[in-house]
Amino acid sequence: MRKTLAEAAKLIRSKNAGPFWLTFDVMFDEPEVYRCVRDQDVLNIDRVARLFGQDPAVVRVFTHDSALAVKVSFPRPNSSGSALDTDVFGGQQYAPLMDLTVELGGPFHAITEVTR
């Protein structure tokens, strides 16, 4: 069964990691769901870079098995609080991650992105 990350995760959030970086946390309450997301490489450097218009060389992805979480970090396009900043706390940047999909409960299929 294919689900979006928004359906599969317990929490998806973004926030500042200092004034120059954003960090995203995707957390799960079921180990099997976390492992599917991790093992299918749903949140990989190239996909995140494409979604957020970043250079893949600056995107960082960390998996935390004991926390059932994936963390993604990359530089902010504008520093927090600058004249060009549109989200001073970085809390509204996670939306593009919500539509990524993961195959649960069966053979793994290709990962897709929902297009609108």
C-alpha atoms as a PDB file:
ATOM      1  CA  MET A   1       0.000   0.000   0.000  1.00  0.00           C
ATOM      2  CA  ARG A   2       1.407   3.368  -1.007  1.00  0.00           C
ATOM      3  CA  LYS A   3       1.105   6.277   1.423  1.00  0.00           C
ATOM      4  CA  THR A   4       2.342   9.827   1.401  1.00  0.00           C
ATOM      5  CA  LEU A   5       4.922  10.816   3.963  1.00  0.00           C
ATOM      6  CA  ALA A   6       2.237  12.993   5.561  1.00  0.00           C
ATOM      7  CA  GLU A   7       0.125   9.858   6.107  1.00  0.00           C
ATOM      8  CA  ALA A   8       2.994   7.595   7.186  1.00  0.00           C
ATOM      9  CA  ALA A   9       4.884   9.908   9.574  1.00  0.00           C
ATOM     10  CA  LYS A  10       3.847  10.872  13.081  1.00  0.00           C
ATOM     11  CA  LEU A  11       5.420  14.318  12.706  1.00  0.00           C
ATOM     12  CA  ILE A  12       7.014  16.330   9.909  1.00  0.00           C
ATOM     13  CA  ARG A  13       8.460  19.679  10.920  1.00  0.00           C
ATOM     14  CA  SER A  14      10.999  22.265   9.881  1.00  0.00           C
ATOM     15  CA  LYS A  15      12.869  24.811  11.955  1.00  0.00           C
ATOM     16  CA  ASN A  16      15.989  26.897  12.055  1.00  0.00           C
ATOM     17  CA  ALA A  17      19.299  25.281  12.824  1.00  0.00           C
ATOM     18  CA  GLY A  18      20.897  28.627  13.590  1.00  0.00           C
ATOM     19  CA  PRO A  19      20.340  31.689  11.400  1.00  0.00           C
ATOM     20  CA  PHE A  20      21.857  30.175   8.263  1.00  0.00           C
ATOM     21  CA  TRP A  21      20.531  26.582   8.116  1.00  0.00           C
ATOM     22  CA  LEU A  22      17.140  24.860   8.022  1.00  0.00           C
ATOM     23  CA  THR A  23      16.542  21.436   9.493  1.00  0.00           C
ATOM     24  CA  PHE A  24      13.650  19.062   8.894  1.00  0.00           C
ATOM     25  CA  ASP A  25      12.588  16.249  11.191  1.00  0.00           C
ATOM     26  CA  VAL A  26      10.453  13.356   9.996  1.00  0.00           C
ATOM     27  CA  MET A  27       9.456  11.137  12.908  1.00  0.00           C
ATOM     28  CA  PHE A  28       7.601   7.843  13.042  1.00  0.00           C
ATOM     29  CA  ASP A  29       5.841   5.926  15.786  1.00  0.00           C
ATOM     30  CA  GLU A  30       6.052   2.526  14.076  1.00  0.00           C
ATOM     31  CA  PRO A  31       9.481   0.940  13.487  1.00  0.00           C
ATOM     32  CA  GLU A  32       8.267  -0.883  10.363  1.00  0.00           C
ATOM     33  CA  VAL A  33       7.128   2.356   8.730  1.00  0.00           C
ATOM     34  CA  TYR A  34      10.391   4.102   9.615  1.00  0.00           C
ATOM     35  CA  ARG A  35      12.397   1.218   8.139  1.00  0.00           C
ATOM     36  CA  CYS A  36      10.377   1.347   4.899  1.00  0.00           C
ATOM     37  CA  VAL A  37      11.092   5.075   4.524  1.00  0.00           C
ATOM     38  CA  ARG A  38      14.758   4.575   5.399  1.00  0.00           C
ATOM     39  CA  ASP A  39      15.314   1.478   3.253  1.00  0.00           C
ATOM     40  CA  GLN A  40      13.474   2.875   0.235  1.00  0.00           C
ATOM     41  CA  ASP A  41      15.634   6.020   0.476  1.00  0.00           C
ATOM     42  CA  VAL A  42      12.562   8.261   0.353  1.00  0.00           C
ATOM     43  CA  LEU A  43      14.474  11.196   1.831  1.00  0.00           C
ATOM     44  CA  ASN A  44      17.685  11.125  -0.157  1.00  0.00           C
ATOM     45  CA  ILE A  45      20.041  13.986  -0.956  1.00  0.00           C
ATOM     46  CA  ASP A  46      19.140  14.301  -4.637  1.00  0.00           C
ATOM     47  CA  ARG A  47      15.379  14.258  -4.048  1.00  0.00           C
ATOM     48  CA  VAL A  48      15.557  16.824  -1.237  1.00  0.00           C
ATOM     49  CA  ALA A  49      17.872  19.043  -3.297  1.00  0.00           C
ATOM     50  CA  ARG A  50      15.428  18.955  -6.222  1.00  0.00           C
ATOM     51  CA  LEU A  51      12.385  19.670  -4.021  1.00  0.00           C
ATOM     52  CA  PHE A  52      13.989  22.688  -2.375  1.00  0.00           C
ATOM     53  CA  GLY A  53      16.155  24.000  -5.222  1.00  0.00           C
ATOM     54  CA  GLN A  54      19.392  23.219  -3.395  1.00  0.00           C
ATOM     55  CA  ASP A  55      22.780  22.050  -4.597  1.00  0.00           C
ATOM     56  CA  PRO A  56      23.039  18.361  -3.580  1.00  0.00           C
ATOM     57  CA  ALA A  57      26.538  19.044  -2.254  1.00  0.00           C
ATOM     58  CA  VAL A  58      25.099  21.080   0.655  1.00  0.00           C
ATOM     59  CA  VAL A  59      22.172  18.818   1.620  1.00  0.00           C
ATOM     60  CA  ARG A  60      22.672  16.544   4.633  1.00  0.00           C
ATOM     61  CA  VAL A  61      20.439  13.559   5.477  1.00  0.00           C
ATOM     62  CA  PHE A  62      20.751  11.665   8.757  1.00  0.00           C
ATOM     63  CA  THR A  63      18.827   8.581   9.860  1.00  0.00           C
ATOM     64  CA  HIS A  64      18.367   7.922  13.576  1.00  0.00           C
ATOM     65  CA  ASP A  65      17.255   4.336  14.074  1.00  0.00           C
ATOM     66  CA  SER A  66      16.787   4.553  17.839  1.00  0.00           C
ATOM     67  CA  ALA A  67      14.619   7.675  17.466  1.00  0.00           C
ATOM     68  CA  LEU A  68      12.696   6.352  14.417  1.00  0.00           C
ATOM     69  CA  ALA A  69      13.517   9.627  12.691  1.00  0.00           C
ATOM     70  CA  VAL A  70      15.148  11.128   9.617  1.00  0.00           C
ATOM     71  CA  LYS A  71      16.749  14.577   9.789  1.00  0.00           C
ATOM     72  CA  VAL A  72      17.485  16.690   6.727  1.00  0.00           C
ATOM     73  CA  SER A  73      19.497  19.932   6.833  1.00  0.00           C
ATOM     74  CA  PHE A  74      20.665  22.486   4.286  1.00  0.00           C
ATOM     75  CA  PRO A  75      21.526  26.198   4.133  1.00  0.00           C
ATOM     76  CA  ARG A  76      18.660  28.689   4.202  1.00  0.00           C
ATOM     77  CA  PRO A  77      18.193  30.661   0.975  1.00  0.00           C
ATOM     78  CA  ASN A  78      18.245  33.851   3.101  1.00  0.00           C
ATOM     79  CA  SER A  79      19.454  34.183   6.675  1.00  0.00           C
ATOM     80  CA  SER A  80      16.801  34.212   9.374  1.00  0.00           C
ATOM     81  CA  GLY A  81      15.475  37.693   9.994  1.00  0.00           C
ATOM     82  CA  SER A  82      17.076  39.252   6.922  1.00  0.00           C
ATOM     83  CA  ALA A  83      15.067  41.620   4.727  1.00  0.00           C
ATOM     84  CA  LEU A  84      14.490  38.825   2.180  1.00  0.00           C
ATOM     85  CA  ASP A  85      13.459  36.186   4.743  1.00  0.00           C
ATOM     86  CA  THR A  86       9.827  35.043   4.504  1.00  0.00           C
ATOM     87  CA  ASP A  87       9.821  32.576   7.444  1.00  0.00           C
ATOM     88  CA  VAL A  88      11.956  33.844  10.314  1.00  0.00           C
ATOM     89  CA  PHE A  89      11.585  30.618  12.362  1.00  0.00           C
ATOM     90  CA  GLY A  90      11.781  28.222   9.390  1.00  0.00           C
ATOM     91  CA  GLY A  91       8.644  26.483  10.621  1.00  0.00           C
ATOM     92  CA  GLN A  92       6.710  26.563   7.341  1.00  0.00           C
ATOM     93  CA  GLN A  93       9.245  24.981   4.999  1.00  0.00           C
ATOM     94  CA  TYR A  94       8.365  21.279   5.383  1.00  0.00           C
ATOM     95  CA  ALA A  95       5.361  21.157   2.994  1.00  0.00           C
ATOM     96  CA  PRO A  96       7.218  19.744  -0.062  1.00  0.00           C
ATOM     97  CA  LEU A  97       8.153  16.641   1.964  1.00  0.00           C
ATOM     98  CA  MET A  98       4.539  15.770   2.711  1.00  0.00           C
ATOM     99  CA  ASP A  99       3.716  14.496  -0.786  1.00  0.00           C
ATOM    100  CA  LEU A 100       6.625  12.069  -1.107  1.00  0.00           C
ATOM    101  CA  THR A 101       5.371   8.487  -1.116  1.00  0.00           C
ATOM    102  CA  VAL A 102       6.477   5.216   0.444  1.00  0.00           C
ATOM    103  CA  GLU A 103       5.364   1.647  -0.212  1.00  0.00           C
ATOM    104  CA  LEU A 104       4.167  -0.040   2.978  1.00  0.00           C
ATOM    105  CA  GLY A 105       3.220  -3.632   3.654  1.00  0.00           C
ATOM    106  CA  GLY A 106       4.413  -5.318   0.495  1.00  0.00           C
ATOM    107  CA  PRO A 107       7.139  -5.533  -2.101  1.00  0.00           C
ATOM    108  CA  PHE A 108       8.872  -2.202  -2.562  1.00  0.00           C
ATOM    109  CA  HIS A 109       7.994  -0.234  -5.653  1.00  0.00           C
ATOM    110  CA  ALA A 110       9.588   2.828  -7.159  1.00  0.00           C
ATOM    111  CA  ILE A 111       9.340   5.967  -5.062  1.00  0.00           C
ATOM    112  CA  THR A 112       7.286   8.692  -6.670  1.00  0.00           C
ATOM    113  CA  GLU A 113       6.436  12.291  -6.018  1.00  0.00           C
ATOM    114  CA  VAL A 114       2.864  13.497  -6.228  1.00  0.00           C
ATOM    115  CA  THR A 115       2.502  16.114  -8.935  1.00  0.00           C
ATOM    116  CA  ARG A 116      -0.208  18.741  -9.004  1.00  0.00           C
END
